[in-house]
Amino acid sequence: MCFYTIISFLLLQFTQESNQHKLEKGTHTQPKSQLLTKRVSHDGIDNGWYVANVKYFNLSSGTISRYRLKVKVEYDRVTAIDFGNGGSVHTGYNSSGYFYSGGYLNFDKDYNNEIVAASTRVTILEANSNMITFDIVIE
């Protein structure tokens, strides 16, 4: 009985070491998020354009849609959303008469305190008082 216990223990140890060796050799790879591939110089993310999951909600029509769009981040705030068809919304002056608010990023971090995702909400108030929200997640 003791002999079988020792053999079982040795087999278990060998199997664990073999699996650990495979992980270290790279046979099991996990894709890195775009946030982990950029350099982080402070508690936030680098300025630049990111691909994001965007949930669009138009209050007056009740329309809800989901898109993969480019968003511009400046100083940990989404300052522009590019619709990919020549259209966009952005902070600052615009001739369309809308008011842009929000966009300040909240960060999700892993156990190493590395940023793995960022999320925010941008609200657009149009001249006709219609409100549109964009829930944005960068991974």
C-alpha atoms as a PDB file:
ATOM      1  CA  MET A   1       0.000   0.000   0.000  1.00  0.00           C
ATOM      2  CA  CYS A   2       2.791   2.425   0.915  1.00  0.00           C
ATOM      3  CA  PHE A   3       4.599   1.551  -2.328  1.00  0.00           C
ATOM      4  CA  TYR A   4       1.535   2.537  -4.413  1.00  0.00           C
ATOM      5  CA  THR A   5       1.209   5.830  -2.524  1.00  0.00           C
ATOM      6  CA  ILE A   6       4.847   6.726  -3.259  1.00  0.00           C
ATOM      7  CA  ILE A   7       4.488   5.835  -6.972  1.00  0.00           C
ATOM      8  CA  SER A   8       1.265   7.905  -7.231  1.00  0.00           C
ATOM      9  CA  PHE A   9       2.969  10.871  -5.587  1.00  0.00           C
ATOM     10  CA  LEU A  10       5.963  10.667  -7.973  1.00  0.00           C
ATOM     11  CA  LEU A  11       3.690  10.444 -11.025  1.00  0.00           C
ATOM     12  CA  LEU A  12       1.714  13.465  -9.831  1.00  0.00           C
ATOM     13  CA  GLN A  13       4.915  15.494  -9.344  1.00  0.00           C
ATOM     14  CA  PHE A  14       6.230  14.527 -12.796  1.00  0.00           C
ATOM     15  CA  THR A  15       2.945  15.493 -14.457  1.00  0.00           C
ATOM     16  CA  GLN A  16       2.866  18.907 -12.735  1.00  0.00           C
ATOM     17  CA  GLU A  17       6.494  19.637 -13.679  1.00  0.00           C
ATOM     18  CA  SER A  18       5.867  18.558 -17.268  1.00  0.00           C
ATOM     19  CA  ASN A  19       2.839  20.858 -17.574  1.00  0.00           C
ATOM     20  CA  GLN A  20       4.730  23.754 -15.996  1.00  0.00           C
ATOM     21  CA  HIS A  21       7.597  23.212 -18.446  1.00  0.00           C
ATOM     22  CA  LYS A  22       5.134  23.366 -21.392  1.00  0.00           C
ATOM     23  CA  LEU A  23       3.709  26.644 -20.127  1.00  0.00           C
ATOM     24  CA  GLU A  24       7.176  28.142 -19.765  1.00  0.00           C
ATOM     25  CA  LYS A  25       8.166  26.985 -23.273  1.00  0.00           C
ATOM     26  CA  GLY A  26       5.226  28.856 -24.775  1.00  0.00           C
ATOM     27  CA  THR A  27       3.073  25.958 -25.974  1.00  0.00           C
ATOM     28  CA  HIS A  28       0.158  27.665 -24.262  1.00  0.00           C
ATOM     29  CA  THR A  29       0.035  31.314 -25.259  1.00  0.00           C
ATOM     30  CA  GLN A  30      -2.626  33.851 -24.512  1.00  0.00           C
ATOM     31  CA  PRO A  31      -3.039  36.884 -26.764  1.00  0.00           C
ATOM     32  CA  LYS A  32      -1.976  40.131 -25.133  1.00  0.00           C
ATOM     33  CA  SER A  33      -4.429  42.970 -24.973  1.00  0.00           C
ATOM     34  CA  GLN A  34      -3.576  46.173 -26.790  1.00  0.00           C
ATOM     35  CA  LEU A  35      -3.282  47.843 -23.386  1.00  0.00           C
ATOM     36  CA  LEU A  36      -0.583  45.446 -22.218  1.00  0.00           C
ATOM     37  CA  THR A  37       1.456  46.018 -25.393  1.00  0.00           C
ATOM     38  CA  LYS A  38       1.608  49.794 -24.881  1.00  0.00           C
ATOM     39  CA  ARG A  39       3.987  51.389 -22.409  1.00  0.00           C
ATOM     40  CA  VAL A  40       2.353  52.796 -19.301  1.00  0.00           C
ATOM     41  CA  SER A  41       4.175  55.841 -18.022  1.00  0.00           C
ATOM     42  CA  HIS A  42       1.845  56.610 -15.116  1.00  0.00           C
ATOM     43  CA  ASP A  43      -1.270  55.089 -13.574  1.00  0.00           C
ATOM     44  CA  GLY A  44      -3.142  55.335 -16.891  1.00  0.00           C
ATOM     45  CA  ILE A  45      -2.613  54.471 -20.549  1.00  0.00           C
ATOM     46  CA  ASP A  46      -0.687  56.149 -23.365  1.00  0.00           C
ATOM     47  CA  ASN A  47      -2.288  58.829 -25.480  1.00  0.00           C
ATOM     48  CA  GLY A  48      -3.325  57.554 -28.905  1.00  0.00           C
ATOM     49  CA  TRP A  49      -5.962  55.694 -30.890  1.00  0.00           C
ATOM     50  CA  TYR A  50      -7.391  52.414 -29.585  1.00  0.00           C
ATOM     51  CA  VAL A  51      -9.904  49.928 -30.959  1.00  0.00           C
ATOM     52  CA  ALA A  52     -12.823  49.666 -28.541  1.00  0.00           C
ATOM     53  CA  ASN A  53     -16.138  47.926 -28.044  1.00  0.00           C
ATOM     54  CA  VAL A  54     -18.760  50.668 -28.129  1.00  0.00           C
ATOM     55  CA  LYS A  55     -22.382  50.355 -27.096  1.00  0.00           C
ATOM     56  CA  TYR A  56     -24.498  53.113 -28.655  1.00  0.00           C
ATOM     57  CA  PHE A  57     -27.807  54.168 -27.070  1.00  0.00           C
ATOM     58  CA  ASN A  58     -30.091  56.851 -28.522  1.00  0.00           C
ATOM     59  CA  LEU A  59     -32.590  57.897 -25.856  1.00  0.00           C
ATOM     60  CA  SER A  60     -35.221  59.406 -28.156  1.00  0.00           C
ATOM     61  CA  SER A  61     -35.396  56.495 -30.625  1.00  0.00           C
ATOM     62  CA  GLY A  62     -34.567  53.717 -28.169  1.00  0.00           C
ATOM     63  CA  THR A  63     -31.922  52.400 -30.570  1.00  0.00           C
ATOM     64  CA  ILE A  64     -29.178  50.251 -29.041  1.00  0.00           C
ATOM     65  CA  SER A  65     -26.265  49.072 -31.201  1.00  0.00           C
ATOM     66  CA  ARG A  66     -22.815  47.639 -30.626  1.00  0.00           C
ATOM     67  CA  TYR A  67     -19.724  48.459 -32.684  1.00  0.00           C
ATOM     68  CA  ARG A  68     -15.929  48.059 -32.818  1.00  0.00           C
ATOM     69  CA  LEU A  69     -14.679  51.604 -33.323  1.00  0.00           C
ATOM     70  CA  LYS A  70     -11.496  53.614 -32.934  1.00  0.00           C
ATOM     71  CA  VAL A  71     -11.413  55.979 -29.970  1.00  0.00           C
ATOM     72  CA  LYS A  72      -8.834  58.638 -29.220  1.00  0.00           C
ATOM     73  CA  VAL A  73      -7.428  58.765 -25.695  1.00  0.00           C
ATOM     74  CA  GLU A  74      -5.754  61.882 -24.354  1.00  0.00           C
ATOM     75  CA  TYR A  75      -4.629  62.054 -20.723  1.00  0.00           C
ATOM     76  CA  ASP A  76      -6.831  59.101 -19.694  1.00  0.00           C
ATOM     77  CA  ARG A  77      -9.961  60.490 -21.329  1.00  0.00           C
ATOM     78  CA  VAL A  78     -11.697  59.416 -24.529  1.00  0.00           C
ATOM     79  CA  THR A  79     -11.771  62.650 -26.506  1.00  0.00           C
ATOM     80  CA  ALA A  80     -13.010  61.366 -29.881  1.00  0.00           C
ATOM     81  CA  ILE A  81     -14.956  58.461 -31.369  1.00  0.00           C
ATOM     82  CA  ASP A  82     -14.318  57.684 -35.056  1.00  0.00           C
ATOM     83  CA  PHE A  83     -17.276  56.006 -36.780  1.00  0.00           C
ATOM     84  CA  GLY A  84     -15.115  54.818 -39.668  1.00  0.00           C
ATOM     85  CA  ASN A  85     -17.318  56.387 -42.347  1.00  0.00           C
ATOM     86  CA  GLY A  86     -15.930  59.902 -42.121  1.00  0.00           C
ATOM     87  CA  GLY A  87     -18.115  60.739 -39.130  1.00  0.00           C
ATOM     88  CA  SER A  88     -17.007  61.299 -35.572  1.00  0.00           C
ATOM     89  CA  VAL A  89     -17.834  63.005 -32.302  1.00  0.00           C
ATOM     90  CA  HIS A  90     -15.195  64.788 -30.260  1.00  0.00           C
ATOM     91  CA  THR A  91     -14.512  67.217 -27.456  1.00  0.00           C
ATOM     92  CA  GLY A  92     -13.947  70.867 -28.239  1.00  0.00           C
ATOM     93  CA  TYR A  93     -15.601  73.095 -30.804  1.00  0.00           C
ATOM     94  CA  ASN A  94     -17.873  71.481 -33.373  1.00  0.00           C
ATOM     95  CA  SER A  95     -20.176  72.923 -36.012  1.00  0.00           C
ATOM     96  CA  SER A  96     -22.910  70.344 -35.337  1.00  0.00           C
ATOM     97  CA  GLY A  97     -24.027  72.015 -32.115  1.00  0.00           C
ATOM     98  CA  TYR A  98     -23.718  69.014 -29.798  1.00  0.00           C
ATOM     99  CA  PHE A  99     -22.270  69.012 -26.289  1.00  0.00           C
ATOM    100  CA  TYR A 100     -19.717  66.255 -25.478  1.00  0.00           C
ATOM    101  CA  SER A 101     -19.302  65.160 -21.850  1.00  0.00           C
ATOM    102  CA  GLY A 102     -17.675  62.330 -19.933  1.00  0.00           C
ATOM    103  CA  GLY A 103     -15.007  60.048 -21.305  1.00  0.00           C
ATOM    104  CA  TYR A 104     -12.834  59.793 -18.178  1.00  0.00           C
ATOM    105  CA  LEU A 105     -11.420  56.269 -18.054  1.00  0.00           C
ATOM    106  CA  ASN A 106     -11.839  53.733 -15.269  1.00  0.00           C
ATOM    107  CA  PHE A 107      -9.171  51.024 -15.226  1.00  0.00           C
ATOM    108  CA  ASP A 108      -9.362  47.279 -14.568  1.00  0.00           C
ATOM    109  CA  LYS A 109      -6.070  45.832 -13.353  1.00  0.00           C
ATOM    110  CA  ASP A 110      -4.745  42.288 -12.979  1.00  0.00           C
ATOM    111  CA  TYR A 111      -2.976  40.777  -9.974  1.00  0.00           C
ATOM    112  CA  ASN A 112       0.305  42.396 -11.104  1.00  0.00           C
ATOM    113  CA  ASN A 113      -1.389  45.811 -11.050  1.00  0.00           C
ATOM    114  CA  GLU A 114      -1.161  45.948 -14.874  1.00  0.00           C
ATOM    115  CA  ILE A 115      -4.022  47.663 -16.702  1.00  0.00           C
ATOM    116  CA  VAL A 116      -5.955  45.064 -18.712  1.00  0.00           C
ATOM    117  CA  ALA A 117      -9.043  47.093 -19.650  1.00  0.00           C
ATOM    118  CA  ALA A 118     -10.378  50.632 -19.533  1.00  0.00           C
ATOM    119  CA  SER A 119     -14.000  51.749 -19.656  1.00  0.00           C
ATOM    120  CA  THR A 120     -15.984  54.952 -19.745  1.00  0.00           C
ATOM    121  CA  ARG A 121     -19.218  56.573 -20.857  1.00  0.00           C
ATOM    122  CA  VAL A 122     -19.463  59.489 -23.275  1.00  0.00           C
ATOM    123  CA  THR A 123     -22.690  61.475 -23.456  1.00  0.00           C
ATOM    124  CA  ILE A 124     -23.668  63.605 -26.429  1.00  0.00           C
ATOM    125  CA  LEU A 125     -26.435  66.165 -25.964  1.00  0.00           C
ATOM    126  CA  GLU A 126     -27.626  67.325 -29.361  1.00  0.00           C
ATOM    127  CA  ALA A 127     -29.013  70.789 -30.144  1.00  0.00           C
ATOM    128  CA  ASN A 128     -32.548  69.319 -30.271  1.00  0.00           C
ATOM    129  CA  SER A 129     -32.106  67.995 -26.683  1.00  0.00           C
ATOM    130  CA  ASN A 130     -31.686  64.391 -27.863  1.00  0.00           C
ATOM    131  CA  MET A 131     -29.245  62.454 -25.676  1.00  0.00           C
ATOM    132  CA  ILE A 132     -26.929  59.738 -27.006  1.00  0.00           C
ATOM    133  CA  THR A 133     -24.612  57.648 -24.822  1.00  0.00           C
ATOM    134  CA  PHE A 134     -21.582  55.595 -25.809  1.00  0.00           C
ATOM    135  CA  ASP A 135     -20.404  52.965 -23.325  1.00  0.00           C
ATOM    136  CA  ILE A 136     -16.790  52.269 -24.267  1.00  0.00           C
ATOM    137  CA  VAL A 137     -14.523  49.373 -23.294  1.00  0.00           C
ATOM    138  CA  ILE A 138     -10.869  49.197 -24.405  1.00  0.00           C
ATOM    139  CA  GLU A 139      -9.233  45.793 -23.928  1.00  0.00           C
END
